[in-house]
N, C-alpha and C. Protein backbone atom coordinates (compact mmCIF):
# COMPACT_ATOMS: atom_id res chain seq x y z
N GLY A 1 -17.47 27.27 37.42
CA GLY A 1 -16.82 27.78 36.24
C GLY A 1 -16.34 26.63 35.35
N ILE A 2 -15.81 27.00 34.19
CA ILE A 2 -15.37 25.99 33.23
C ILE A 2 -14.22 25.17 33.79
N ASP A 3 -13.32 25.77 34.58
CA ASP A 3 -12.21 24.99 35.13
C ASP A 3 -12.70 23.93 36.11
N ASP A 4 -13.80 24.21 36.82
CA ASP A 4 -14.37 23.19 37.69
C ASP A 4 -14.88 22.01 36.89
N VAL A 5 -15.54 22.29 35.79
CA VAL A 5 -16.05 21.21 34.93
C VAL A 5 -14.89 20.39 34.39
N LEU A 6 -13.83 21.09 33.95
CA LEU A 6 -12.71 20.39 33.33
C LEU A 6 -11.87 19.63 34.34
N SER A 7 -11.90 20.01 35.60
CA SER A 7 -11.10 19.31 36.61
C SER A 7 -11.90 18.19 37.28
N ALA A 8 -13.15 18.02 36.90
CA ALA A 8 -13.95 16.93 37.47
C ALA A 8 -13.29 15.59 37.17
N ALA A 9 -13.48 14.64 38.04
CA ALA A 9 -12.88 13.32 37.85
C ALA A 9 -13.38 12.70 36.54
N ALA A 10 -12.45 12.09 35.83
CA ALA A 10 -12.80 11.46 34.55
C ALA A 10 -13.61 10.21 34.77
N LEU A 11 -14.55 9.94 33.88
CA LEU A 11 -15.28 8.68 33.94
C LEU A 11 -14.35 7.53 33.55
N ASN A 12 -13.64 7.70 32.43
CA ASN A 12 -12.61 6.74 32.01
C ASN A 12 -11.37 7.53 31.66
N THR A 13 -10.22 6.93 31.90
CA THR A 13 -8.96 7.57 31.57
C THR A 13 -8.19 6.65 30.64
N TYR A 14 -7.67 7.22 29.56
CA TYR A 14 -6.84 6.48 28.61
C TYR A 14 -5.49 7.16 28.52
N TYR A 15 -4.46 6.36 28.23
CA TYR A 15 -3.10 6.85 28.11
C TYR A 15 -2.57 6.53 26.72
N VAL A 16 -1.81 7.49 26.17
CA VAL A 16 -1.18 7.32 24.86
C VAL A 16 0.29 7.68 25.04
N SER A 17 1.18 6.87 24.46
CA SER A 17 2.61 7.09 24.62
C SER A 17 3.34 6.80 23.32
N GLY A 18 4.46 7.49 23.13
CA GLY A 18 5.30 7.23 21.98
C GLY A 18 5.91 5.84 21.98
N THR A 19 5.86 5.16 23.12
CA THR A 19 6.36 3.78 23.21
C THR A 19 5.23 2.78 23.44
N GLY A 20 3.97 3.24 23.30
CA GLY A 20 2.84 2.37 23.54
C GLY A 20 2.53 1.47 22.34
N SER A 21 1.42 0.75 22.44
CA SER A 21 0.96 -0.14 21.37
C SER A 21 -0.56 -0.10 21.31
N ASP A 22 -1.09 -0.03 20.10
CA ASP A 22 -2.55 -0.05 19.97
C ASP A 22 -3.14 -1.41 20.30
N GLY A 23 -2.29 -2.40 20.55
CA GLY A 23 -2.75 -3.70 21.04
C GLY A 23 -2.98 -3.71 22.55
N ASN A 24 -2.54 -2.66 23.23
CA ASN A 24 -2.76 -2.53 24.67
C ASN A 24 -4.20 -2.11 24.95
N ASP A 25 -4.56 -2.06 26.25
CA ASP A 25 -5.91 -1.61 26.59
C ASP A 25 -5.96 -0.11 26.87
N GLY A 26 -4.80 0.58 26.95
CA GLY A 26 -4.77 2.03 27.11
C GLY A 26 -5.20 2.54 28.47
N LYS A 27 -5.41 1.66 29.44
CA LYS A 27 -5.97 2.08 30.72
C LYS A 27 -4.94 2.36 31.80
N SER A 28 -3.65 2.25 31.46
CA SER A 28 -2.59 2.57 32.40
C SER A 28 -1.38 3.06 31.62
N ILE A 29 -0.45 3.69 32.33
CA ILE A 29 0.77 4.15 31.68
C ILE A 29 1.52 2.96 31.08
N ALA A 30 1.57 1.87 31.80
CA ALA A 30 2.31 0.69 31.33
C ALA A 30 1.65 0.05 30.11
N LYS A 31 0.36 0.27 29.92
CA LYS A 31 -0.37 -0.33 28.79
C LYS A 31 -0.97 0.73 27.89
N ALA A 32 -0.19 1.79 27.66
CA ALA A 32 -0.66 2.92 26.86
C ALA A 32 -0.83 2.54 25.39
N PHE A 33 -1.75 3.23 24.73
CA PHE A 33 -1.89 3.11 23.28
C PHE A 33 -0.74 3.84 22.60
N ARG A 34 -0.55 3.57 21.32
CA ARG A 34 0.46 4.29 20.53
C ARG A 34 -0.13 5.48 19.78
N THR A 35 -1.39 5.35 19.32
CA THR A 35 -1.97 6.43 18.50
C THR A 35 -3.10 7.14 19.24
N LEU A 36 -3.19 8.43 18.96
CA LEU A 36 -4.27 9.23 19.53
C LEU A 36 -5.62 8.76 19.02
N GLN A 37 -5.68 8.36 17.76
CA GLN A 37 -6.95 7.94 17.18
C GLN A 37 -7.51 6.71 17.89
N LYS A 38 -6.64 5.78 18.28
CA LYS A 38 -7.10 4.58 19.00
C LYS A 38 -7.78 4.98 20.30
N ALA A 39 -7.17 5.89 21.05
CA ALA A 39 -7.78 6.35 22.29
C ALA A 39 -9.10 7.07 22.00
N HIS A 40 -9.08 7.95 21.02
CA HIS A 40 -10.29 8.71 20.68
C HIS A 40 -11.46 7.79 20.35
N ASN A 41 -11.20 6.74 19.62
CA ASN A 41 -12.26 5.85 19.16
C ASN A 41 -12.99 5.16 20.31
N LEU A 42 -12.44 5.24 21.52
CA LEU A 42 -13.06 4.64 22.71
C LEU A 42 -13.69 5.66 23.64
N THR A 43 -13.44 6.95 23.39
CA THR A 43 -13.89 7.96 24.34
C THR A 43 -15.40 8.13 24.34
N ASN A 44 -15.88 8.50 25.51
CA ASN A 44 -17.28 8.86 25.74
C ASN A 44 -17.30 10.13 26.58
N PRO A 45 -18.44 10.80 26.68
CA PRO A 45 -18.50 12.01 27.50
C PRO A 45 -17.93 11.79 28.90
N GLY A 46 -17.08 12.74 29.31
CA GLY A 46 -16.47 12.68 30.64
C GLY A 46 -15.12 12.01 30.69
N ASP A 47 -14.62 11.48 29.56
CA ASP A 47 -13.35 10.76 29.56
C ASP A 47 -12.16 11.71 29.39
N THR A 48 -10.99 11.25 29.82
CA THR A 48 -9.74 11.98 29.66
C THR A 48 -8.73 11.10 28.94
N VAL A 49 -8.02 11.70 27.99
CA VAL A 49 -6.91 11.03 27.32
C VAL A 49 -5.64 11.77 27.71
N TRP A 50 -4.76 11.08 28.45
CA TRP A 50 -3.46 11.64 28.82
C TRP A 50 -2.46 11.27 27.72
N ILE A 51 -1.77 12.29 27.20
CA ILE A 51 -0.84 12.08 26.09
C ILE A 51 0.57 12.29 26.61
N MET A 52 1.36 11.23 26.52
CA MET A 52 2.72 11.25 27.06
C MET A 52 3.74 11.53 25.97
N ASN A 53 4.99 11.63 26.35
CA ASN A 53 6.06 11.95 25.41
C ASN A 53 6.02 11.02 24.20
N GLY A 54 6.38 11.60 23.07
CA GLY A 54 6.43 10.86 21.82
C GLY A 54 6.09 11.81 20.69
N THR A 55 6.35 11.36 19.47
CA THR A 55 5.96 12.10 18.28
C THR A 55 4.86 11.31 17.61
N TYR A 56 3.75 11.98 17.37
CA TYR A 56 2.56 11.34 16.83
C TYR A 56 2.35 11.79 15.39
N THR A 57 2.23 10.83 14.49
CA THR A 57 2.08 11.11 13.07
C THR A 57 0.95 10.25 12.51
N SER A 58 0.65 10.47 11.25
CA SER A 58 -0.32 9.63 10.54
C SER A 58 -0.04 9.74 9.06
N THR A 59 -0.24 8.67 8.34
CA THR A 59 -0.08 8.70 6.89
C THR A 59 -1.40 8.99 6.18
N THR A 60 -2.46 9.19 6.97
CA THR A 60 -3.76 9.51 6.39
C THR A 60 -4.07 11.00 6.57
N SER A 61 -5.30 11.40 6.34
CA SER A 61 -5.67 12.81 6.28
C SER A 61 -5.35 13.60 7.54
N ASP A 62 -5.68 13.08 8.71
CA ASP A 62 -5.49 13.81 9.97
C ASP A 62 -4.79 12.91 10.98
N ILE A 63 -4.03 13.52 11.88
CA ILE A 63 -3.40 12.75 12.95
C ILE A 63 -4.45 12.33 13.98
N LEU A 64 -5.36 13.26 14.30
CA LEU A 64 -6.46 12.96 15.22
C LEU A 64 -7.73 13.56 14.65
N SER A 65 -8.68 12.72 14.28
CA SER A 65 -10.01 13.16 13.81
C SER A 65 -10.99 12.97 14.96
N ILE A 66 -11.55 14.09 15.44
CA ILE A 66 -12.45 14.04 16.59
C ILE A 66 -13.89 14.06 16.08
N TYR A 67 -14.56 12.94 16.22
CA TYR A 67 -15.96 12.83 15.83
C TYR A 67 -16.82 12.33 17.00
N ARG A 68 -16.20 11.91 18.09
CA ARG A 68 -16.95 11.50 19.28
C ARG A 68 -17.06 12.73 20.18
N THR A 69 -18.25 13.00 20.66
CA THR A 69 -18.51 14.27 21.32
C THR A 69 -18.66 14.12 22.83
N GLY A 70 -18.31 15.20 23.52
CA GLY A 70 -18.58 15.29 24.94
C GLY A 70 -20.01 15.78 25.16
N ALA A 71 -20.30 16.21 26.38
CA ALA A 71 -21.64 16.68 26.72
C ALA A 71 -21.51 17.73 27.82
N PRO A 72 -22.55 18.55 28.03
CA PRO A 72 -22.47 19.53 29.12
C PRO A 72 -22.12 18.84 30.44
N GLY A 73 -21.10 19.37 31.10
CA GLY A 73 -20.64 18.80 32.36
C GLY A 73 -19.83 17.53 32.22
N GLN A 74 -19.67 17.04 30.98
CA GLN A 74 -18.89 15.82 30.73
C GLN A 74 -18.01 16.03 29.50
N TRP A 75 -17.03 16.89 29.66
CA TRP A 75 -16.10 17.19 28.59
C TRP A 75 -15.19 16.01 28.32
N ILE A 76 -14.79 15.84 27.07
CA ILE A 76 -13.71 14.91 26.74
C ILE A 76 -12.45 15.74 26.69
N ARG A 77 -11.42 15.30 27.43
CA ARG A 77 -10.20 16.09 27.59
C ARG A 77 -9.01 15.34 27.00
N TYR A 78 -8.26 16.02 26.12
CA TYR A 78 -7.01 15.51 25.57
C TYR A 78 -5.92 16.42 26.12
N LYS A 79 -5.10 15.87 27.02
CA LYS A 79 -4.13 16.71 27.73
C LYS A 79 -2.75 16.07 27.73
N ALA A 80 -1.73 16.92 27.63
CA ALA A 80 -0.37 16.44 27.84
C ALA A 80 -0.26 15.94 29.28
N TYR A 81 0.33 14.77 29.42
CA TYR A 81 0.54 14.24 30.76
C TYR A 81 1.45 15.20 31.53
N PRO A 82 1.20 15.44 32.81
CA PRO A 82 1.99 16.43 33.56
C PRO A 82 3.49 16.21 33.41
N GLY A 83 4.19 17.28 33.07
CA GLY A 83 5.65 17.26 32.93
C GLY A 83 6.14 16.69 31.62
N GLN A 84 5.25 16.35 30.69
CA GLN A 84 5.66 15.76 29.42
C GLN A 84 5.31 16.70 28.26
N THR A 85 5.98 16.49 27.13
CA THR A 85 5.84 17.40 25.98
C THR A 85 5.60 16.61 24.69
N PRO A 86 4.41 16.04 24.53
CA PRO A 86 4.11 15.29 23.31
C PRO A 86 4.00 16.21 22.10
N LYS A 87 4.36 15.66 20.93
CA LYS A 87 4.33 16.43 19.69
C LYS A 87 3.53 15.70 18.61
N LEU A 88 2.67 16.44 17.93
CA LEU A 88 2.01 15.95 16.72
C LEU A 88 2.76 16.54 15.55
N LYS A 89 3.30 15.69 14.69
CA LYS A 89 4.11 16.14 13.56
C LYS A 89 3.39 15.81 12.26
N ALA A 90 2.94 16.85 11.57
CA ALA A 90 2.20 16.67 10.32
C ALA A 90 3.16 16.38 9.17
N GLY A 91 2.65 15.65 8.19
CA GLY A 91 3.43 15.32 7.00
C GLY A 91 2.69 15.69 5.74
N ASN A 92 3.11 15.12 4.62
CA ASN A 92 2.57 15.46 3.31
C ASN A 92 1.09 15.15 3.16
N ASN A 93 0.54 14.22 3.92
CA ASN A 93 -0.84 13.80 3.73
C ASN A 93 -1.82 14.34 4.76
N ASN A 94 -1.36 15.17 5.69
CA ASN A 94 -2.21 15.62 6.79
C ASN A 94 -2.83 16.99 6.51
N TRP A 95 -4.13 17.00 6.19
CA TRP A 95 -4.84 18.27 6.03
C TRP A 95 -4.91 19.00 7.37
N GLN A 96 -5.12 18.28 8.45
CA GLN A 96 -5.11 18.84 9.79
C GLN A 96 -4.34 17.90 10.70
N ALA A 97 -3.64 18.47 11.67
CA ALA A 97 -3.10 17.60 12.72
C ALA A 97 -4.26 17.13 13.59
N ILE A 98 -5.13 18.06 13.99
CA ILE A 98 -6.33 17.72 14.76
C ILE A 98 -7.53 18.31 14.05
N TYR A 99 -8.55 17.48 13.82
CA TYR A 99 -9.74 17.89 13.09
C TYR A 99 -10.99 17.61 13.93
N PHE A 100 -11.81 18.63 14.11
CA PHE A 100 -13.08 18.51 14.83
C PHE A 100 -14.21 18.43 13.80
N ASN A 101 -15.13 17.48 13.96
CA ASN A 101 -16.19 17.27 13.00
C ASN A 101 -17.56 17.29 13.69
N GLY A 102 -18.09 18.50 13.90
CA GLY A 102 -19.43 18.62 14.47
C GLY A 102 -19.57 18.06 15.86
N VAL A 103 -18.61 18.37 16.74
CA VAL A 103 -18.61 17.84 18.10
C VAL A 103 -18.69 18.97 19.12
N SER A 104 -18.89 18.61 20.36
CA SER A 104 -18.95 19.62 21.42
C SER A 104 -18.26 19.13 22.68
N HIS A 105 -17.96 20.11 23.54
CA HIS A 105 -17.42 19.85 24.87
C HIS A 105 -16.13 19.03 24.80
N ILE A 106 -15.15 19.62 24.09
CA ILE A 106 -13.84 18.99 23.90
C ILE A 106 -12.76 19.99 24.33
N LEU A 107 -11.76 19.50 25.05
CA LEU A 107 -10.60 20.30 25.45
C LEU A 107 -9.34 19.68 24.86
N ILE A 108 -8.48 20.53 24.28
CA ILE A 108 -7.14 20.14 23.85
C ILE A 108 -6.17 21.01 24.63
N GLU A 109 -5.23 20.41 25.36
CA GLU A 109 -4.37 21.21 26.22
C GLU A 109 -2.94 20.67 26.29
N GLY A 110 -1.98 21.58 26.11
CA GLY A 110 -0.58 21.29 26.39
C GLY A 110 0.19 20.56 25.31
N LEU A 111 -0.32 20.54 24.08
CA LEU A 111 0.34 19.80 23.01
C LEU A 111 1.19 20.72 22.13
N THR A 112 2.15 20.13 21.45
CA THR A 112 2.93 20.83 20.43
C THR A 112 2.55 20.23 19.09
N LEU A 113 2.19 21.09 18.14
CA LEU A 113 1.83 20.66 16.80
C LEU A 113 2.77 21.32 15.81
N GLU A 114 3.49 20.51 15.03
CA GLU A 114 4.44 21.03 14.05
C GLU A 114 3.97 20.66 12.65
N GLY A 115 3.93 21.66 11.78
CA GLY A 115 3.51 21.45 10.40
C GLY A 115 4.62 20.96 9.51
N ASN A 116 4.34 20.92 8.23
CA ASN A 116 5.21 20.32 7.21
C ASN A 116 6.07 21.33 6.47
N ASN A 117 6.07 22.59 6.88
CA ASN A 117 6.75 23.63 6.09
C ASN A 117 8.22 23.35 5.81
N ASP A 118 8.92 22.70 6.71
CA ASP A 118 10.35 22.44 6.50
C ASP A 118 10.59 21.50 5.32
N ASN A 119 9.57 20.76 4.92
CA ASN A 119 9.72 19.81 3.81
C ASN A 119 9.26 20.37 2.47
N VAL A 120 8.88 21.64 2.44
CA VAL A 120 8.33 22.23 1.21
C VAL A 120 9.35 23.20 0.62
N THR A 121 9.79 22.92 -0.60
CA THR A 121 10.66 23.86 -1.31
C THR A 121 9.79 24.84 -2.08
N GLU A 122 10.37 25.98 -2.44
CA GLU A 122 9.61 26.95 -3.24
C GLU A 122 9.18 26.33 -4.56
N ALA A 123 10.09 25.60 -5.19
CA ALA A 123 9.74 24.97 -6.48
C ALA A 123 8.57 24.02 -6.32
N ARG A 124 8.56 23.24 -5.24
CA ARG A 124 7.46 22.31 -5.01
C ARG A 124 6.16 23.05 -4.74
N ALA A 125 6.22 24.11 -3.94
CA ALA A 125 5.01 24.88 -3.64
C ALA A 125 4.44 25.53 -4.90
N ARG A 126 5.30 25.95 -5.81
CA ARG A 126 4.82 26.58 -7.05
C ARG A 126 4.07 25.61 -7.95
N THR A 127 4.20 24.32 -7.71
CA THR A 127 3.45 23.36 -8.53
C THR A 127 1.95 23.45 -8.29
N GLN A 128 1.54 24.15 -7.21
CA GLN A 128 0.11 24.31 -6.97
C GLN A 128 -0.50 25.44 -7.80
N LEU A 129 0.34 26.29 -8.39
CA LEU A 129 -0.16 27.42 -9.17
C LEU A 129 -0.48 26.95 -10.58
N LYS A 130 -1.67 27.29 -11.06
CA LYS A 130 -2.13 26.78 -12.35
C LYS A 130 -2.57 27.92 -13.27
N ASP A 131 -2.25 27.79 -14.55
CA ASP A 131 -2.79 28.64 -15.60
C ASP A 131 -3.80 27.76 -16.34
N THR A 132 -5.05 27.81 -15.91
CA THR A 132 -6.03 26.87 -16.45
C THR A 132 -6.58 27.27 -17.81
N ASN A 133 -6.48 28.56 -18.17
CA ASN A 133 -7.02 28.97 -19.47
C ASN A 133 -5.94 29.27 -20.51
N GLY A 134 -4.66 29.06 -20.17
CA GLY A 134 -3.58 29.20 -21.13
C GLY A 134 -3.20 30.61 -21.51
N ASP A 135 -3.58 31.62 -20.68
CA ASP A 135 -3.24 33.00 -21.02
C ASP A 135 -1.93 33.46 -20.41
N GLY A 136 -1.19 32.54 -19.78
CA GLY A 136 0.09 32.89 -19.19
C GLY A 136 0.00 33.50 -17.81
N LYS A 137 -1.20 33.60 -17.24
CA LYS A 137 -1.40 34.17 -15.91
C LYS A 137 -1.92 33.08 -14.96
N ILE A 138 -1.47 33.16 -13.74
CA ILE A 138 -1.94 32.22 -12.72
C ILE A 138 -3.38 32.59 -12.36
N ASP A 139 -4.29 31.65 -12.52
CA ASP A 139 -5.68 31.93 -12.18
C ASP A 139 -6.28 30.89 -11.23
N GLU A 140 -5.48 29.97 -10.77
CA GLU A 140 -6.01 28.95 -9.86
C GLU A 140 -4.88 28.41 -9.01
N MET A 141 -5.23 28.06 -7.77
CA MET A 141 -4.28 27.38 -6.90
C MET A 141 -4.86 26.01 -6.58
N GLU A 142 -4.05 25.01 -6.62
CA GLU A 142 -4.48 23.66 -6.29
C GLU A 142 -3.91 23.30 -4.92
N PRO A 143 -4.69 23.54 -3.86
CA PRO A 143 -4.15 23.26 -2.53
C PRO A 143 -3.97 21.76 -2.31
N LYS A 144 -2.90 21.44 -1.63
CA LYS A 144 -2.61 20.07 -1.24
C LYS A 144 -2.15 20.09 0.22
N PRO A 145 -2.38 19.00 0.93
CA PRO A 145 -2.03 19.02 2.36
C PRO A 145 -0.54 19.23 2.62
N GLU A 146 0.32 18.82 1.70
CA GLU A 146 1.75 18.95 1.98
C GLU A 146 2.18 20.40 2.15
N TYR A 147 1.50 21.36 1.48
CA TYR A 147 1.86 22.75 1.68
C TYR A 147 0.69 23.64 2.07
N SER A 148 -0.47 23.07 2.32
CA SER A 148 -1.62 23.86 2.77
C SER A 148 -2.27 23.25 4.01
N GLY A 149 -1.56 22.39 4.74
CA GLY A 149 -2.12 21.74 5.92
C GLY A 149 -2.33 22.71 7.07
N ASN A 150 -3.16 22.30 8.01
CA ASN A 150 -3.54 23.13 9.16
C ASN A 150 -3.21 22.42 10.46
N GLY A 151 -2.99 23.22 11.50
CA GLY A 151 -2.73 22.64 12.82
C GLY A 151 -3.98 22.05 13.44
N ILE A 152 -4.95 22.93 13.75
CA ILE A 152 -6.21 22.50 14.36
C ILE A 152 -7.35 23.10 13.55
N GLY A 153 -8.23 22.24 13.06
CA GLY A 153 -9.41 22.69 12.31
C GLY A 153 -10.67 22.34 13.06
N ILE A 154 -11.43 23.35 13.46
CA ILE A 154 -12.66 23.15 14.23
C ILE A 154 -13.82 23.42 13.28
N ASN A 155 -14.49 22.35 12.84
CA ASN A 155 -15.48 22.44 11.77
C ASN A 155 -16.85 21.93 12.20
N ALA A 156 -17.86 22.39 11.44
CA ALA A 156 -19.16 21.75 11.51
C ALA A 156 -19.04 20.39 10.85
N ASP A 157 -20.02 19.54 11.11
CA ASP A 157 -20.10 18.27 10.40
C ASP A 157 -20.43 18.59 8.94
N PHE A 158 -19.50 18.36 8.02
CA PHE A 158 -19.70 18.75 6.63
C PHE A 158 -20.87 18.02 5.98
N GLY A 159 -21.24 16.87 6.49
CA GLY A 159 -22.41 16.17 5.98
C GLY A 159 -23.71 16.79 6.48
N ASN A 160 -23.60 17.65 7.50
CA ASN A 160 -24.77 18.25 8.12
C ASN A 160 -24.36 19.59 8.70
N LEU A 161 -24.31 20.64 7.85
CA LEU A 161 -23.76 21.93 8.27
C LEU A 161 -24.57 22.61 9.36
N ILE A 162 -25.76 22.10 9.67
CA ILE A 162 -26.48 22.68 10.79
C ILE A 162 -26.03 22.05 12.11
N LYS A 163 -25.02 21.19 12.06
CA LYS A 163 -24.46 20.59 13.27
C LYS A 163 -23.06 21.16 13.49
N PRO A 164 -22.97 22.34 14.10
CA PRO A 164 -21.65 22.95 14.30
C PRO A 164 -20.89 22.30 15.45
N SER A 165 -19.57 22.46 15.42
CA SER A 165 -18.79 22.17 16.63
C SER A 165 -19.02 23.33 17.59
N HIS A 166 -19.10 23.05 18.88
CA HIS A 166 -19.30 24.12 19.86
C HIS A 166 -18.75 23.67 21.22
N HIS A 167 -18.55 24.65 22.07
CA HIS A 167 -17.96 24.43 23.38
C HIS A 167 -16.66 23.64 23.24
N ILE A 168 -15.71 24.30 22.59
CA ILE A 168 -14.38 23.74 22.35
C ILE A 168 -13.37 24.66 23.04
N ILE A 169 -12.42 24.07 23.75
CA ILE A 169 -11.35 24.85 24.38
C ILE A 169 -10.01 24.33 23.86
N ILE A 170 -9.23 25.25 23.31
CA ILE A 170 -7.88 24.96 22.82
C ILE A 170 -6.95 25.85 23.64
N ARG A 171 -6.18 25.25 24.54
CA ARG A 171 -5.35 26.11 25.38
C ARG A 171 -3.99 25.50 25.70
N LYS A 172 -3.03 26.41 25.89
CA LYS A 172 -1.66 26.07 26.29
C LYS A 172 -0.98 25.13 25.30
N ASN A 173 -1.26 25.33 24.00
CA ASN A 173 -0.63 24.54 22.95
C ASN A 173 0.34 25.41 22.17
N THR A 174 1.28 24.77 21.50
CA THR A 174 2.20 25.45 20.59
C THR A 174 1.96 24.88 19.20
N VAL A 175 1.65 25.78 18.24
CA VAL A 175 1.27 25.37 16.89
C VAL A 175 2.12 26.18 15.90
N TYR A 176 2.88 25.49 15.03
CA TYR A 176 3.76 26.24 14.13
C TYR A 176 4.10 25.45 12.87
N LYS A 177 4.57 26.17 11.86
CA LYS A 177 5.05 25.62 10.59
C LYS A 177 3.97 24.92 9.76
N PHE A 178 2.75 25.46 9.80
CA PHE A 178 1.68 24.96 8.95
C PHE A 178 1.48 25.93 7.79
N GLY A 179 1.39 25.41 6.58
CA GLY A 179 1.23 26.25 5.40
C GLY A 179 -0.17 26.83 5.27
N GLY A 180 -1.16 26.20 5.88
CA GLY A 180 -2.52 26.71 5.88
C GLY A 180 -2.73 27.60 7.10
N ALA A 181 -3.49 27.14 8.06
CA ALA A 181 -3.76 27.88 9.28
C ALA A 181 -3.16 27.16 10.47
N GLY A 182 -2.78 27.92 11.48
CA GLY A 182 -2.38 27.31 12.74
C GLY A 182 -3.59 26.71 13.43
N ILE A 183 -4.59 27.57 13.67
CA ILE A 183 -5.86 27.16 14.27
C ILE A 183 -6.96 27.90 13.51
N TYR A 184 -7.99 27.19 13.06
CA TYR A 184 -9.10 27.86 12.39
C TYR A 184 -10.43 27.26 12.83
N THR A 185 -11.51 28.03 12.60
CA THR A 185 -12.86 27.53 12.83
C THR A 185 -13.67 27.73 11.56
N TYR A 186 -14.60 26.82 11.33
CA TYR A 186 -15.55 26.93 10.23
C TYR A 186 -16.84 26.24 10.68
N GLY A 187 -17.90 27.02 10.83
CA GLY A 187 -19.14 26.44 11.33
C GLY A 187 -18.99 26.01 12.77
N ALA A 188 -18.42 26.88 13.60
CA ALA A 188 -18.19 26.55 15.01
C ALA A 188 -18.60 27.74 15.88
N ASP A 189 -18.95 27.47 17.12
CA ASP A 189 -19.38 28.51 18.04
C ASP A 189 -18.92 28.13 19.45
N PHE A 190 -18.88 29.11 20.34
CA PHE A 190 -18.44 28.91 21.71
C PHE A 190 -17.07 28.23 21.74
N VAL A 191 -16.12 28.83 21.01
CA VAL A 191 -14.75 28.32 20.94
C VAL A 191 -13.86 29.24 21.76
N THR A 192 -13.07 28.66 22.65
CA THR A 192 -12.11 29.41 23.45
C THR A 192 -10.71 29.03 23.03
N LEU A 193 -9.93 30.03 22.59
CA LEU A 193 -8.51 29.86 22.29
C LEU A 193 -7.76 30.65 23.35
N GLU A 194 -6.93 29.98 24.14
CA GLU A 194 -6.37 30.60 25.32
C GLU A 194 -4.94 30.15 25.55
N ASP A 195 -4.03 31.12 25.68
CA ASP A 195 -2.63 30.86 26.04
C ASP A 195 -1.94 29.92 25.06
N ASN A 196 -2.26 30.01 23.78
CA ASN A 196 -1.57 29.24 22.76
C ASN A 196 -0.45 30.08 22.15
N VAL A 197 0.57 29.41 21.64
CA VAL A 197 1.64 30.08 20.91
C VAL A 197 1.58 29.58 19.48
């Protein structure tokens, strides 16, 4: 079953911590990376990334952009370290906290993802409403990540829409306060959403 595949021994294991450094090698708790993206950029099929306590942010588009893919029987796993509660906290520039780009055989488990809603006032959100033809009626919305960001976006490779994301498992996560979607799919198949809040 799928749990047998996911519990198979990792080929490589990386650690990420709120007190880590991207100058470390990421191969032990004592030498954990600081950012999820640093760990991701090294992953190959069958690897596991253990995510320890800390708040993970990014000033760019996504906190974690997943473009490296797993393979059948060799899933890449991003999991909260046992007994720990890591958080991804989105800000004004994050379209997604976690973004999938035409990948397969990926697991995300046990994370908390918090959106930017607490930083958005009604007056600020109304700046996205536009009257483009001057008739006094709103006829367009200008979405921006600060008030339209998403928790987890599972997408096809936009450069190649015939390359969907597939065999993705999102489970035991808490996702809240996103102005766009908590979890969405676009051009994706064989997606399991399980025990998320």
